[in-house]
């Protein structure tokens, strides 16, 4: 996600080291989307799909919809595929079409909420996810997405509450642990945040964000080798992320490793 933020820091009254500045940037970026990295679709083996694989899916869905343009299941699947391709306006358009045919489709509201959240339109995201939860109150994924919205608007206690409700329904689903961990993190409860990030990683070791945020906590504890391990895991999953690269370079410096090694060799 990208966000442009303007903020002024009075250096006469407030002293922020580089670590704290990075944390502030992370928090600001979170408001516009989902935990920096979002959630990627996985294949049967739990691996992330590539953009090329998403395009194959999109072509297949377009072919199917050319013969059945009002097929709700195909429209919803294409909307999700558009979301993974970061084509959020197209995602929203497909959800709109589904809702024009079925105004009580909880899945369409939830998917459109996710697209609005990625675009930083939090008021519409909140409206849509509330509709989804109203239509399907026992859906753990929808409750977790509602927690994502509350995290984005800064209501971290509600994010904790909805994540907990999601976990009570879907205890093996990784996302609510990540959402709750982030909320605890922002509330200053680092121990619970660490526990939830760890559980999220245990349930889904292919997601970037929990490695990234747990790596930050390790750094705050001066556990630099552990921070390096987590941030390298995040880097392997998303080598194009500037926040991960920047944080990992800083950890390398702490450990006496040439940070330029990351640019030359990457992470093995």
Protein backbone atom coordinates (compact mmCIF):
# COMPACT_ATOMS: atom_id res chain seq x y z
CA UNK A 1 0.00 0.00 0.00
CA UNK A 2 1.12 3.55 -0.56
CA UNK A 3 0.15 6.61 1.38
CA UNK A 4 1.39 10.16 1.38
CA UNK A 5 1.49 11.65 4.85
CA UNK A 6 2.46 15.10 5.93
CA UNK A 7 3.43 15.58 9.54
CA UNK A 8 5.63 18.00 11.40
CA UNK A 9 7.93 17.13 14.26
CA UNK A 10 9.17 19.83 16.60
CA UNK A 11 12.68 18.63 17.29
CA UNK A 12 13.04 21.08 20.18
CA UNK A 13 10.37 19.25 22.16
CA UNK A 14 10.22 15.75 20.65
CA UNK A 15 13.15 13.50 19.98
CA UNK A 16 12.45 10.50 17.77
CA UNK A 17 15.22 8.09 16.91
CA UNK A 18 15.22 6.36 13.54
CA UNK A 19 13.50 3.30 14.97
CA UNK A 20 10.59 5.35 16.32
CA UNK A 21 10.22 7.25 13.05
CA UNK A 22 9.96 3.97 11.17
CA UNK A 23 7.30 2.77 13.57
CA UNK A 24 5.32 5.95 12.96
CA UNK A 25 5.55 5.45 9.22
CA UNK A 26 4.31 1.87 9.64
CA UNK A 27 1.32 3.04 11.66
CA UNK A 28 0.44 5.73 9.10
CA UNK A 29 0.70 3.29 6.22
CA UNK A 30 -1.50 0.80 8.04
CA UNK A 31 -4.38 3.30 8.05
CA UNK A 32 -4.58 3.23 4.25
CA UNK A 33 -4.61 -0.53 3.81
CA UNK A 34 -4.09 -3.85 5.41
CA UNK A 35 -1.07 -4.35 7.61
CA UNK A 36 1.32 -3.12 4.96
CA UNK A 37 1.41 -6.33 3.04
CA UNK A 38 -2.16 -7.52 2.79
CA UNK A 39 -3.04 -11.16 2.53
CA UNK A 40 -2.02 -13.14 -0.53
CA UNK A 41 -4.00 -16.00 -2.01
CA UNK A 42 -2.37 -19.37 -1.48
CA UNK A 43 -2.34 -22.47 -3.62
CA UNK A 44 -3.03 -25.98 -2.36
CA UNK A 45 0.42 -26.17 -0.79
CA UNK A 46 0.06 -22.88 1.07
CA UNK A 47 2.45 -21.01 -1.25
CA UNK A 48 1.72 -17.53 -2.52
CA UNK A 49 0.58 -17.30 -6.10
CA UNK A 50 2.58 -15.18 -8.50
CA UNK A 51 1.11 -12.33 -10.51
CA UNK A 52 1.37 -14.50 -13.61
CA UNK A 53 -0.71 -17.19 -11.91
CA UNK A 54 -3.33 -14.62 -10.93
CA UNK A 55 -3.47 -13.49 -14.56
CA UNK A 56 -4.08 -17.08 -15.64
CA UNK A 57 -6.95 -17.21 -13.14
CA UNK A 58 -8.29 -13.90 -14.44
CA UNK A 59 -8.25 -15.10 -18.05
CA UNK A 60 -10.07 -18.27 -17.04
CA UNK A 61 -12.72 -16.29 -15.17
CA UNK A 62 -13.14 -13.81 -18.01
CA UNK A 63 -13.73 -16.72 -20.38
CA UNK A 64 -16.30 -18.21 -18.05
CA UNK A 65 -18.11 -14.92 -17.58
CA UNK A 66 -18.20 -14.25 -21.32
CA UNK A 67 -20.69 -17.10 -21.56
CA UNK A 68 -22.38 -16.54 -18.19
CA UNK A 69 -22.06 -12.82 -17.38
CA UNK A 70 -24.37 -13.03 -14.37
CA UNK A 71 -22.77 -16.03 -12.68
CA UNK A 72 -22.48 -14.81 -9.09
CA UNK A 73 -19.84 -17.32 -8.02
CA UNK A 74 -17.59 -16.45 -10.97
CA UNK A 75 -18.08 -12.73 -10.36
CA UNK A 76 -17.10 -13.10 -6.72
CA UNK A 77 -14.07 -15.20 -7.62
CA UNK A 78 -13.01 -12.62 -10.22
CA UNK A 79 -13.51 -9.81 -7.71
CA UNK A 80 -11.12 -11.57 -5.32
CA UNK A 81 -8.64 -12.14 -8.13
CA UNK A 82 -8.78 -8.45 -9.02
CA UNK A 83 -8.06 -7.73 -5.36
CA UNK A 84 -4.95 -9.89 -5.39
CA UNK A 85 -3.83 -8.08 -8.54
CA UNK A 86 -4.42 -4.74 -6.77
CA UNK A 87 -7.08 -3.85 -9.33
CA UNK A 88 -9.38 -2.53 -6.65
CA UNK A 89 -11.76 -0.52 -8.81
CA UNK A 90 -12.48 -3.60 -10.93
CA UNK A 91 -12.89 -5.58 -7.71
CA UNK A 92 -15.48 -3.09 -6.53
CA UNK A 93 -17.30 -3.14 -9.88
CA UNK A 94 -17.75 -6.91 -9.74
CA UNK A 95 -19.00 -6.69 -6.16
CA UNK A 96 -21.45 -3.97 -7.21
CA UNK A 97 -22.80 -6.24 -9.94
CA UNK A 98 -23.26 -9.11 -7.49
CA UNK A 99 -25.05 -6.82 -5.04
CA UNK A 100 -27.32 -5.52 -7.79
CA UNK A 101 -28.52 -9.10 -8.20
CA UNK A 102 -28.38 -10.11 -4.55
CA UNK A 103 -28.46 -7.25 -2.06
CA UNK A 104 -27.85 -9.59 0.87
CA UNK A 105 -24.63 -11.18 -0.38
CA UNK A 106 -22.38 -11.11 2.66
CA UNK A 107 -19.39 -12.25 0.57
CA UNK A 108 -19.80 -9.34 -1.85
CA UNK A 109 -20.01 -6.82 0.98
CA UNK A 110 -16.94 -8.33 2.66
CA UNK A 111 -14.92 -8.35 -0.56
CA UNK A 112 -15.90 -4.79 -1.41
CA UNK A 113 -14.99 -3.73 2.13
CA UNK A 114 -11.54 -5.21 1.63
CA UNK A 115 -11.09 -3.28 -1.64
CA UNK A 116 -12.21 -0.03 -0.04
CA UNK A 117 -9.82 -0.66 2.85
CA UNK A 118 -6.93 -1.12 0.44
CA UNK A 119 -7.86 2.18 -1.18
CA UNK A 120 -7.97 3.90 2.21
CA UNK A 121 -11.73 4.59 2.01
CA UNK A 122 -12.32 3.51 5.58
CA UNK A 123 -15.87 4.86 5.95
CA UNK A 124 -17.15 2.74 3.06
CA UNK A 125 -15.08 -0.21 4.22
CA UNK A 126 -16.64 0.03 7.66
CA UNK A 127 -20.17 0.26 6.24
CA UNK A 128 -19.67 -2.77 4.00
CA UNK A 129 -18.04 -5.03 6.55
CA UNK A 130 -20.77 -4.22 9.07
CA UNK A 131 -23.34 -5.30 6.48
CA UNK A 132 -21.42 -8.52 5.86
CA UNK A 133 -21.27 -9.30 9.58
CA UNK A 134 -24.96 -8.49 9.99
CA UNK A 135 -25.86 -10.97 7.26
CA UNK A 136 -23.38 -13.61 8.48
CA UNK A 137 -22.61 -12.96 12.18
CA UNK A 138 -20.86 -16.30 12.75
CA UNK A 139 -18.36 -15.95 9.92
CA UNK A 140 -14.90 -15.79 11.47
CA UNK A 141 -13.30 -14.30 8.34
CA UNK A 142 -15.79 -11.43 8.25
CA UNK A 143 -15.23 -10.72 11.94
CA UNK A 144 -11.50 -10.64 11.33
CA UNK A 145 -11.97 -8.21 8.44
CA UNK A 146 -14.02 -6.01 10.72
CA UNK A 147 -11.10 -6.03 13.12
CA UNK A 148 -8.90 -4.92 10.20
CA UNK A 149 -11.15 -1.91 9.66
CA UNK A 150 -11.05 -0.98 13.34
CA UNK A 151 -7.27 -1.22 13.27
CA UNK A 152 -7.24 1.07 10.24
CA UNK A 153 -9.35 3.73 11.94
CA UNK A 154 -7.38 3.44 15.18
CA UNK A 155 -10.01 1.81 17.42
CA UNK A 156 -7.63 -0.84 18.68
CA UNK A 157 -9.74 -2.14 21.56
CA UNK A 158 -12.59 -2.94 19.18
CA UNK A 159 -10.05 -4.59 16.91
CA UNK A 160 -9.02 -6.80 19.82
CA UNK A 161 -12.65 -7.63 20.58
CA UNK A 162 -13.60 -8.57 17.01
CA UNK A 163 -10.39 -10.52 16.49
CA UNK A 164 -11.09 -12.48 19.65
CA UNK A 165 -14.62 -13.23 18.45
CA UNK A 166 -13.17 -14.41 15.15
CA UNK A 167 -10.69 -16.67 16.92
CA UNK A 168 -13.47 -18.18 19.03
CA UNK A 169 -15.18 -19.24 15.79
CA UNK A 170 -12.14 -19.98 13.62
CA UNK A 171 -9.24 -20.78 15.93
CA UNK A 172 -7.11 -22.22 13.11
CA UNK A 173 -7.37 -19.13 10.91
CA UNK A 174 -4.18 -17.04 10.95
CA UNK A 175 -5.57 -13.57 10.13
CA UNK A 176 -7.38 -12.69 13.39
CA UNK A 177 -4.21 -13.45 15.37
CA UNK A 178 -2.35 -10.99 13.15
CA UNK A 179 -5.09 -8.38 13.55
CA UNK A 180 -5.23 -8.82 17.31
CA UNK A 181 -1.46 -8.84 17.57
CA UNK A 182 -1.27 -5.53 15.75
CA UNK A 183 -3.98 -4.03 17.96
CA UNK A 184 -2.22 -5.21 21.12
CA UNK A 185 1.01 -3.80 19.70
CA UNK A 186 -0.56 -0.38 19.28
CA UNK A 187 -2.09 -0.58 22.76
CA UNK A 188 1.38 -1.21 24.20
CA UNK A 189 0.82 -4.83 25.20
CA UNK A 190 3.92 -6.23 23.53
CA UNK A 191 3.75 -9.64 25.22
CA UNK A 192 0.29 -10.42 23.88
CA UNK A 193 1.23 -8.95 20.51
CA UNK A 194 4.25 -11.24 20.36
CA UNK A 195 2.13 -14.27 21.24
CA UNK A 196 -0.43 -13.50 18.55
CA UNK A 197 2.17 -12.81 15.86
CA UNK A 198 3.80 -16.13 16.74
CA UNK A 199 0.48 -17.99 16.47
CA UNK A 200 -0.23 -16.33 13.14
CA UNK A 201 3.17 -17.51 11.86
CA UNK A 202 2.55 -21.01 13.17
CA UNK A 203 -0.77 -21.21 11.33
CA UNK A 204 0.51 -19.59 8.14
CA UNK A 205 4.28 -19.30 7.64
CA UNK A 206 3.75 -17.78 4.19
CA UNK A 207 2.36 -14.43 5.36
CA UNK A 208 4.72 -11.45 5.47
CA UNK A 209 3.24 -9.18 8.13
CA UNK A 210 3.56 -11.30 11.30
CA UNK A 211 7.25 -11.94 10.61
CA UNK A 212 7.77 -8.23 10.07
CA UNK A 213 6.00 -7.06 13.20
CA UNK A 214 7.45 -9.79 15.42
CA UNK A 215 10.87 -8.83 14.08
CA UNK A 216 10.25 -5.28 15.25
CA UNK A 217 9.40 -6.51 18.75
CA UNK A 218 12.61 -8.56 18.83
CA UNK A 219 14.48 -5.39 17.92
CA UNK A 220 12.78 -3.48 20.71
CA UNK A 221 14.06 -6.18 23.07
CA UNK A 222 17.60 -5.88 21.66
CA UNK A 223 17.33 -9.45 20.39
CA UNK A 224 18.98 -8.61 17.11
CA UNK A 225 19.71 -12.14 15.87
CA UNK A 226 16.05 -13.07 16.32
CA UNK A 227 15.02 -9.80 14.65
CA UNK A 228 17.32 -10.64 11.74
CA UNK A 229 15.77 -14.09 11.36
CA UNK A 230 12.20 -12.77 11.26
CA UNK A 231 12.96 -9.84 8.97
CA UNK A 232 14.87 -12.10 6.60
CA UNK A 233 11.86 -14.41 6.50
CA UNK A 234 9.67 -11.40 5.66
CA UNK A 235 12.16 -10.27 3.02
CA UNK A 236 12.11 -13.68 1.34
CA UNK A 237 8.33 -13.39 1.07
CA UNK A 238 8.37 -9.80 -0.19
CA UNK A 239 11.75 -8.59 -1.39
CA UNK A 240 10.22 -5.48 -2.99
CA UNK A 241 8.99 -3.99 0.28
CA UNK A 242 10.88 -0.85 1.24
CA UNK A 243 9.90 -1.05 4.96
CA UNK A 244 11.26 -4.59 5.26
CA UNK A 245 14.45 -3.74 3.38
CA UNK A 246 15.01 -0.59 5.47
CA UNK A 247 14.40 -2.37 8.77
CA UNK A 248 16.60 -5.31 7.83
CA UNK A 249 19.46 -3.03 6.80
CA UNK A 250 19.24 -1.34 10.20
CA UNK A 251 19.39 -4.73 11.96
CA UNK A 252 22.41 -5.72 9.87
CA UNK A 253 24.15 -2.56 11.04
CA UNK A 254 23.38 -3.47 14.64
CA UNK A 255 24.97 -6.88 14.10
CA UNK A 256 28.02 -5.50 12.32
CA UNK A 257 26.94 -6.88 8.95
CA UNK A 258 27.46 -4.76 5.87
CA UNK A 259 23.90 -3.61 5.01
CA UNK A 260 24.84 -3.33 1.35
CA UNK A 261 25.13 -7.10 1.34
CA UNK A 262 21.34 -7.17 1.20
CA UNK A 263 21.37 -5.26 -2.09
CA UNK A 264 24.21 -7.34 -3.54
CA UNK A 265 23.18 -10.81 -2.47
CA UNK A 266 19.65 -10.65 -1.10
CA UNK A 267 18.74 -13.24 1.53
CA UNK A 268 19.64 -16.89 1.05
